[in-house]
């Protein structure tokens, strides 16, 4: 991690990811479950804060557009 903002954004996306993960597991919904896992993991691989936020927002929006 680099800056404080990256840490805060990572924690926020991790908390939202926990919500998606629990929802996907209880409802047996694949997309929210996988998005939850992705929201946990992706901040470790992205160092740029703007790219981190853009990727996080895209992942959060994904279950609303992709339904299986």
PDB file of N, CA and C in Angstrom:
ATOM      1  N   UNK A   1       0.840  -1.190   0.000  1.00  0.00           N
ATOM      2  CA  UNK A   1       0.000   0.000   0.000  1.00  0.00           C
ATOM      3  C   UNK A   1       0.878   1.243   0.000  1.00  0.00           C
ATOM      4  N   UNK A   2       0.366   2.254  -0.612  1.00  0.00           N
ATOM      5  CA  UNK A   2       1.141   3.471  -0.709  1.00  0.00           C
ATOM      6  C   UNK A   2       0.639   4.564   0.209  1.00  0.00           C
ATOM      7  N   UNK A   3      -0.501   5.090  -0.079  1.00  0.00           N
ATOM      8  CA  UNK A   3      -0.980   6.259   0.647  1.00  0.00           C
ATOM      9  C   UNK A   3      -2.152   5.904   1.557  1.00  0.00           C
ATOM     10  N   UNK A   4      -2.492   6.850   2.387  1.00  0.00           N
ATOM     11  CA  UNK A   4      -3.632   6.672   3.287  1.00  0.00           C
ATOM     12  C   UNK A   4      -4.929   6.533   2.497  1.00  0.00           C
ATOM     13  N   UNK A   5      -5.049   7.270   1.413  1.00  0.00           N
ATOM     14  CA  UNK A   5      -6.272   7.182   0.616  1.00  0.00           C
ATOM     15  C   UNK A   5      -6.449   5.791   0.019  1.00  0.00           C
ATOM     16  N   UNK A   6      -5.361   5.175  -0.402  1.00  0.00           N
ATOM     17  CA  UNK A   6      -5.457   3.811  -0.933  1.00  0.00           C
ATOM     18  C   UNK A   6      -5.912   2.843   0.150  1.00  0.00           C
ATOM     19  N   UNK A   7      -5.427   3.027   1.363  1.00  0.00           N
ATOM     20  CA  UNK A   7      -5.828   2.166   2.471  1.00  0.00           C
ATOM     21  C   UNK A   7      -7.314   2.333   2.778  1.00  0.00           C
ATOM     22  N   UNK A   8      -7.784   3.570   2.800  1.00  0.00           N
ATOM     23  CA  UNK A   8      -9.193   3.833   3.086  1.00  0.00           C
ATOM     24  C   UNK A   8     -10.085   3.269   1.983  1.00  0.00           C
ATOM     25  N   UNK A   9      -9.715   3.491   0.733  1.00  0.00           N
ATOM     26  CA  UNK A   9     -10.500   2.946  -0.377  1.00  0.00           C
ATOM     27  C   UNK A   9     -10.504   1.428  -0.345  1.00  0.00           C
ATOM     28  N   UNK A  10      -9.361   0.821  -0.029  1.00  0.00           N
ATOM     29  CA  UNK A  10      -9.282  -0.640   0.043  1.00  0.00           C
ATOM     30  C   UNK A  10     -10.188  -1.187   1.140  1.00  0.00           C
ATOM     31  N   UNK A  11     -10.217  -0.517   2.284  1.00  0.00           N
ATOM     32  CA  UNK A  11     -11.097  -0.950   3.378  1.00  0.00           C
ATOM     33  C   UNK A  11     -12.561  -0.799   2.993  1.00  0.00           C
ATOM     34  N   UNK A  12     -12.893   0.290   2.315  1.00  0.00           N
ATOM     35  CA  UNK A  12     -14.270   0.509   1.877  1.00  0.00           C
ATOM     36  C   UNK A  12     -14.698  -0.571   0.882  1.00  0.00           C
ATOM     37  N   UNK A  13     -13.863  -0.849  -0.111  1.00  0.00           N
ATOM     38  CA  UNK A  13     -14.199  -1.872  -1.092  1.00  0.00           C
ATOM     39  C   UNK A  13     -14.232  -3.256  -0.454  1.00  0.00           C
ATOM     40  N   UNK A  14     -13.391  -3.500   0.536  1.00  0.00           N
ATOM     41  CA  UNK A  14     -13.427  -4.766   1.253  1.00  0.00           C
ATOM     42  C   UNK A  14     -14.729  -4.946   2.027  1.00  0.00           C
ATOM     43  N   UNK A  15     -15.210  -3.868   2.641  1.00  0.00           N
ATOM     44  CA  UNK A  15     -16.474  -3.939   3.382  1.00  0.00           C
ATOM     45  C   UNK A  15     -17.651  -4.175   2.432  1.00  0.00           C
ATOM     46  N   UNK A  16     -17.649  -3.485   1.311  1.00  0.00           N
ATOM     47  CA  UNK A  16     -18.702  -3.700   0.314  1.00  0.00           C
ATOM     48  C   UNK A  16     -18.593  -5.112  -0.250  1.00  0.00           C
ATOM     49  N   UNK A  17     -17.364  -5.580  -0.460  1.00  0.00           N
ATOM     50  CA  UNK A  17     -17.138  -6.937  -0.938  1.00  0.00           C
ATOM     51  C   UNK A  17     -17.667  -7.977   0.029  1.00  0.00           C
ATOM     52  N   UNK A  18     -17.537  -7.721   1.326  1.00  0.00           N
ATOM     53  CA  UNK A  18     -18.084  -8.634   2.320  1.00  0.00           C
ATOM     54  C   UNK A  18     -19.597  -8.732   2.178  1.00  0.00           C
ATOM     55  N   UNK A  19     -20.254  -7.604   1.929  1.00  0.00           N
ATOM     56  CA  UNK A  19     -21.700  -7.613   1.719  1.00  0.00           C
ATOM     57  C   UNK A  19     -22.092  -8.418   0.493  1.00  0.00           C
ATOM     58  N   UNK A  20     -21.381  -8.208  -0.608  1.00  0.00           N
ATOM     59  CA  UNK A  20     -21.665  -8.977  -1.822  1.00  0.00           C
ATOM     60  C   UNK A  20     -21.396 -10.458  -1.603  1.00  0.00           C
ATOM     61  N   UNK A  21     -20.306 -10.775  -0.908  1.00  0.00           N
ATOM     62  CA  UNK A  21     -19.936 -12.162  -0.654  1.00  0.00           C
ATOM     63  C   UNK A  21     -21.014 -12.880   0.157  1.00  0.00           C
ATOM     64  N   UNK A  22     -21.451 -12.258   1.240  1.00  0.00           N
ATOM     65  CA  UNK A  22     -22.475 -12.874   2.097  1.00  0.00           C
ATOM     66  C   UNK A  22     -23.791 -13.010   1.343  1.00  0.00           C
ATOM     67  N   UNK A  23     -24.182 -11.966   0.612  1.00  0.00           N
ATOM     68  CA  UNK A  23     -25.418 -12.028  -0.167  1.00  0.00           C
ATOM     69  C   UNK A  23     -25.350 -13.140  -1.212  1.00  0.00           C
ATOM     70  N   UNK A  24     -24.237 -13.206  -1.949  1.00  0.00           N
ATOM     71  CA  UNK A  24     -24.092 -14.219  -2.985  1.00  0.00           C
ATOM     72  C   UNK A  24     -24.098 -15.627  -2.421  1.00  0.00           C
ATOM     73  N   UNK A  25     -23.491 -15.802  -1.260  1.00  0.00           N
ATOM     74  CA  UNK A  25     -23.450 -17.125  -0.647  1.00  0.00           C
ATOM     75  C   UNK A  25     -24.831 -17.554  -0.155  1.00  0.00           C
ATOM     76  N   UNK A  26     -25.559 -16.639   0.489  1.00  0.00           N
ATOM     77  CA  UNK A  26     -26.883 -16.981   1.014  1.00  0.00           C
ATOM     78  C   UNK A  26     -27.909 -17.197  -0.088  1.00  0.00           C
ATOM     79  N   UNK A  27     -27.837 -16.399  -1.138  1.00  0.00           N
ATOM     80  CA  UNK A  27     -28.796 -16.494  -2.232  1.00  0.00           C
ATOM     81  C   UNK A  27     -28.352 -17.469  -3.316  1.00  0.00           C
ATOM     82  N   UNK A  28     -27.158 -18.024  -3.166  1.00  0.00           N
ATOM     83  CA  UNK A  28     -26.570 -18.904  -4.178  1.00  0.00           C
ATOM     84  C   UNK A  28     -26.503 -18.210  -5.547  1.00  0.00           C
ATOM     85  N   UNK A  29     -26.115 -16.937  -5.512  1.00  0.00           N
ATOM     86  CA  UNK A  29     -25.964 -16.122  -6.715  1.00  0.00           C
ATOM     87  C   UNK A  29     -24.470 -16.026  -7.042  1.00  0.00           C
ATOM     88  N   UNK A  30     -24.099 -16.472  -8.222  1.00  0.00           N
ATOM     89  CA  UNK A  30     -22.693 -16.589  -8.594  1.00  0.00           C
ATOM     90  C   UNK A  30     -22.032 -15.232  -8.768  1.00  0.00           C
ATOM     91  N   UNK A  31     -22.665 -14.317  -9.490  1.00  0.00           N
ATOM     92  CA  UNK A  31     -22.035 -13.031  -9.812  1.00  0.00           C
ATOM     93  C   UNK A  31     -21.746 -12.216  -8.548  1.00  0.00           C
ATOM     94  N   UNK A  32     -22.711 -11.989  -7.647  1.00  0.00           N
ATOM     95  CA  UNK A  32     -22.367 -11.234  -6.431  1.00  0.00           C
ATOM     96  C   UNK A  32     -21.299 -11.931  -5.578  1.00  0.00           C
ATOM     97  N   UNK A  33     -21.331 -13.248  -5.545  1.00  0.00           N
ATOM     98  CA  UNK A  33     -20.329 -14.010  -4.789  1.00  0.00           C
ATOM     99  C   UNK A  33     -18.929 -13.755  -5.346  1.00  0.00           C
ATOM    100  N   UNK A  34     -18.774 -13.847  -6.665  1.00  0.00           N
ATOM    101  CA  UNK A  34     -17.473 -13.630  -7.288  1.00  0.00           C
ATOM    102  C   UNK A  34     -17.030 -12.170  -7.208  1.00  0.00           C
ATOM    103  N   UNK A  35     -17.981 -11.251  -7.319  1.00  0.00           N
ATOM    104  CA  UNK A  35     -17.645  -9.831  -7.184  1.00  0.00           C
ATOM    105  C   UNK A  35     -17.167  -9.542  -5.765  1.00  0.00           C
ATOM    106  N   UNK A  36     -17.794 -10.176  -4.784  1.00  0.00           N
ATOM    107  CA  UNK A  36     -17.346 -10.012  -3.401  1.00  0.00           C
ATOM    108  C   UNK A  36     -15.905 -10.456  -3.216  1.00  0.00           C
ATOM    109  N   UNK A  37     -15.568 -11.599  -3.774  1.00  0.00           N
ATOM    110  CA  UNK A  37     -14.190 -12.089  -3.684  1.00  0.00           C
ATOM    111  C   UNK A  37     -13.238 -11.137  -4.423  1.00  0.00           C
ATOM    112  N   UNK A  38     -13.656 -10.680  -5.591  1.00  0.00           N
ATOM    113  CA  UNK A  38     -12.812  -9.758  -6.365  1.00  0.00           C
ATOM    114  C   UNK A  38     -12.585  -8.452  -5.612  1.00  0.00           C
ATOM    115  N   UNK A  39     -13.618  -7.959  -4.914  1.00  0.00           N
ATOM    116  CA  UNK A  39     -13.458  -6.721  -4.150  1.00  0.00           C
ATOM    117  C   UNK A  39     -12.519  -6.904  -2.960  1.00  0.00           C
ATOM    118  N   UNK A  40     -12.410  -8.117  -2.449  1.00  0.00           N
ATOM    119  CA  UNK A  40     -11.432  -8.390  -1.389  1.00  0.00           C
ATOM    120  C   UNK A  40     -10.011  -8.350  -1.925  1.00  0.00           C
ATOM    121  N   UNK A  41      -9.813  -8.898  -3.117  1.00  0.00           N
ATOM    122  CA  UNK A  41      -8.478  -9.207  -3.606  1.00  0.00           C
ATOM    123  C   UNK A  41      -7.855  -8.093  -4.452  1.00  0.00           C
ATOM    124  N   UNK A  42      -8.629  -7.426  -5.282  1.00  0.00           N
ATOM    125  CA  UNK A  42      -8.033  -6.536  -6.286  1.00  0.00           C
ATOM    126  C   UNK A  42      -7.214  -5.375  -5.721  1.00  0.00           C
ATOM    127  N   UNK A  43      -7.506  -4.820  -4.531  1.00  0.00           N
ATOM    128  CA  UNK A  43      -6.669  -3.701  -4.055  1.00  0.00           C
ATOM    129  C   UNK A  43      -5.196  -4.065  -3.837  1.00  0.00           C
ATOM    130  N   UNK A  44      -4.889  -5.332  -3.646  1.00  0.00           N
ATOM    131  CA  UNK A  44      -3.498  -5.743  -3.466  1.00  0.00           C
ATOM    132  C   UNK A  44      -2.677  -5.600  -4.740  1.00  0.00           C
ATOM    133  N   UNK A  45      -3.334  -5.563  -5.886  1.00  0.00           N
ATOM    134  CA  UNK A  45      -2.630  -5.569  -7.158  1.00  0.00           C
ATOM    135  C   UNK A  45      -2.617  -4.222  -7.868  1.00  0.00           C
ATOM    136  N   UNK A  46      -3.332  -3.223  -7.354  1.00  0.00           N
ATOM    137  CA  UNK A  46      -3.427  -1.933  -8.031  1.00  0.00           C
ATOM    138  C   UNK A  46      -2.828  -0.851  -7.139  1.00  0.00           C
ATOM    139  N   UNK A  47      -1.797  -0.182  -7.639  1.00  0.00           N
ATOM    140  CA  UNK A  47      -1.090   0.820  -6.848  1.00  0.00           C
ATOM    141  C   UNK A  47      -1.609   2.242  -7.085  1.00  0.00           C
ATOM    142  N   UNK A  48      -2.201   2.502  -8.237  1.00  0.00           N
ATOM    143  CA  UNK A  48      -2.700   3.828  -8.576  1.00  0.00           C
ATOM    144  C   UNK A  48      -4.074   4.044  -7.930  1.00  0.00           C
ATOM    145  N   UNK A  49      -4.226   5.129  -7.177  1.00  0.00           N
ATOM    146  CA  UNK A  49      -5.473   5.382  -6.453  1.00  0.00           C
ATOM    147  C   UNK A  49      -6.651   5.571  -7.391  1.00  0.00           C
ATOM    148  N   UNK A  50      -6.464   6.299  -8.477  1.00  0.00           N
ATOM    149  CA  UNK A  50      -7.558   6.535  -9.421  1.00  0.00           C
ATOM    150  C   UNK A  50      -8.003   5.236 -10.093  1.00  0.00           C
ATOM    151  N   UNK A  51      -7.054   4.404 -10.456  1.00  0.00           N
ATOM    152  CA  UNK A  51      -7.372   3.111 -11.049  1.00  0.00           C
ATOM    153  C   UNK A  51      -8.043   2.197 -10.027  1.00  0.00           C
ATOM    154  N   UNK A  52      -7.627   2.290  -8.776  1.00  0.00           N
ATOM    155  CA  UNK A  52      -8.236   1.516  -7.697  1.00  0.00           C
ATOM    156  C   UNK A  52      -9.708   1.870  -7.546  1.00  0.00           C
ATOM    157  N   UNK A  53     -10.005   3.157  -7.519  1.00  0.00           N
ATOM    158  CA  UNK A  53     -11.392   3.612  -7.369  1.00  0.00           C
ATOM    159  C   UNK A  53     -12.213   3.237  -8.605  1.00  0.00           C
ATOM    160  N   UNK A  54     -11.665   3.433  -9.794  1.00  0.00           N
ATOM    161  CA  UNK A  54     -12.400   3.110 -11.019  1.00  0.00           C
ATOM    162  C   UNK A  54     -12.707   1.615 -11.100  1.00  0.00           C
ATOM    163  N   UNK A  55     -11.742   0.782 -10.759  1.00  0.00           N
ATOM    164  CA  UNK A  55     -11.955  -0.661 -10.786  1.00  0.00           C
ATOM    165  C   UNK A  55     -12.980  -1.080  -9.743  1.00  0.00           C
ATOM    166  N   UNK A  56     -12.889  -0.502  -8.557  1.00  0.00           N
ATOM    167  CA  UNK A  56     -13.841  -0.820  -7.496  1.00  0.00           C
ATOM    168  C   UNK A  56     -15.265  -0.447  -7.859  1.00  0.00           C
ATOM    169  N   UNK A  57     -15.440   0.727  -8.426  1.00  0.00           N
ATOM    170  CA  UNK A  57     -16.778   1.167  -8.831  1.00  0.00           C
ATOM    171  C   UNK A  57     -17.314   0.266  -9.946  1.00  0.00           C
ATOM    172  N   UNK A  58     -16.455  -0.098 -10.883  1.00  0.00           N
ATOM    173  CA  UNK A  58     -16.882  -1.000 -11.971  1.00  0.00           C
ATOM    174  C   UNK A  58     -17.301  -2.361 -11.420  1.00  0.00           C
ATOM    175  N   UNK A  59     -16.550  -2.883 -10.469  1.00  0.00           N
ATOM    176  CA  UNK A  59     -16.908  -4.172  -9.874  1.00  0.00           C
ATOM    177  C   UNK A  59     -18.219  -4.083  -9.088  1.00  0.00           C
ATOM    178  N   UNK A  60     -18.424  -2.979  -8.385  1.00  0.00           N
ATOM    179  CA  UNK A  60     -19.662  -2.807  -7.631  1.00  0.00           C
ATOM    180  C   UNK A  60     -20.860  -2.729  -8.576  1.00  0.00           C
ATOM    181  N   UNK A  61     -20.691  -2.094  -9.725  1.00  0.00           N
ATOM    182  CA  UNK A  61     -21.789  -1.950 -10.681  1.00  0.00           C
ATOM    183  C   UNK A  61     -22.054  -3.225 -11.474  1.00  0.00           C
ATOM    184  N   UNK A  62     -21.085  -4.110 -11.545  1.00  0.00           N
ATOM    185  CA  UNK A  62     -21.198  -5.318 -12.368  1.00  0.00           C
ATOM    186  C   UNK A  62     -22.434  -6.173 -12.064  1.00  0.00           C
ATOM    187  N   UNK A  63     -22.763  -6.475 -10.814  1.00  0.00           N
ATOM    188  CA  UNK A  63     -23.942  -7.330 -10.567  1.00  0.00           C
ATOM    189  C   UNK A  63     -25.272  -6.714 -11.002  1.00  0.00           C
ATOM    190  N   UNK A  64     -25.328  -5.392 -11.127  1.00  0.00           N
ATOM    191  CA  UNK A  64     -26.553  -4.742 -11.548  1.00  0.00           C
ATOM    192  C   UNK A  64     -26.782  -4.873 -13.054  1.00  0.00           C
ATOM    193  N   UNK A  65     -25.713  -5.118 -13.797  1.00  0.00           N
ATOM    194  CA  UNK A  65     -25.815  -5.226 -15.237  1.00  0.00           C
ATOM    195  C   UNK A  65     -25.724  -6.662 -15.744  1.00  0.00           C
ATOM    196  N   UNK A  66     -25.090  -7.538 -14.980  1.00  0.00           N
ATOM    197  CA  UNK A  66     -24.923  -8.937 -15.379  1.00  0.00           C
ATOM    198  C   UNK A  66     -25.736  -9.790 -14.430  1.00  0.00           C
ATOM    199  N   UNK A  67     -26.727 -10.457 -14.964  1.00  0.00           N
ATOM    200  CA  UNK A  67     -27.579 -11.335 -14.157  1.00  0.00           C
ATOM    201  C   UNK A  67     -27.541 -12.738 -14.736  1.00  0.00           C
ATOM    202  N   UNK A  68     -27.271 -13.712 -13.866  1.00  0.00           N
ATOM    203  CA  UNK A  68     -27.263 -15.122 -14.301  1.00  0.00           C
ATOM    204  C   UNK A  68     -28.270 -15.905 -13.505  1.00  0.00           C
TER     205      UNK A  68
END
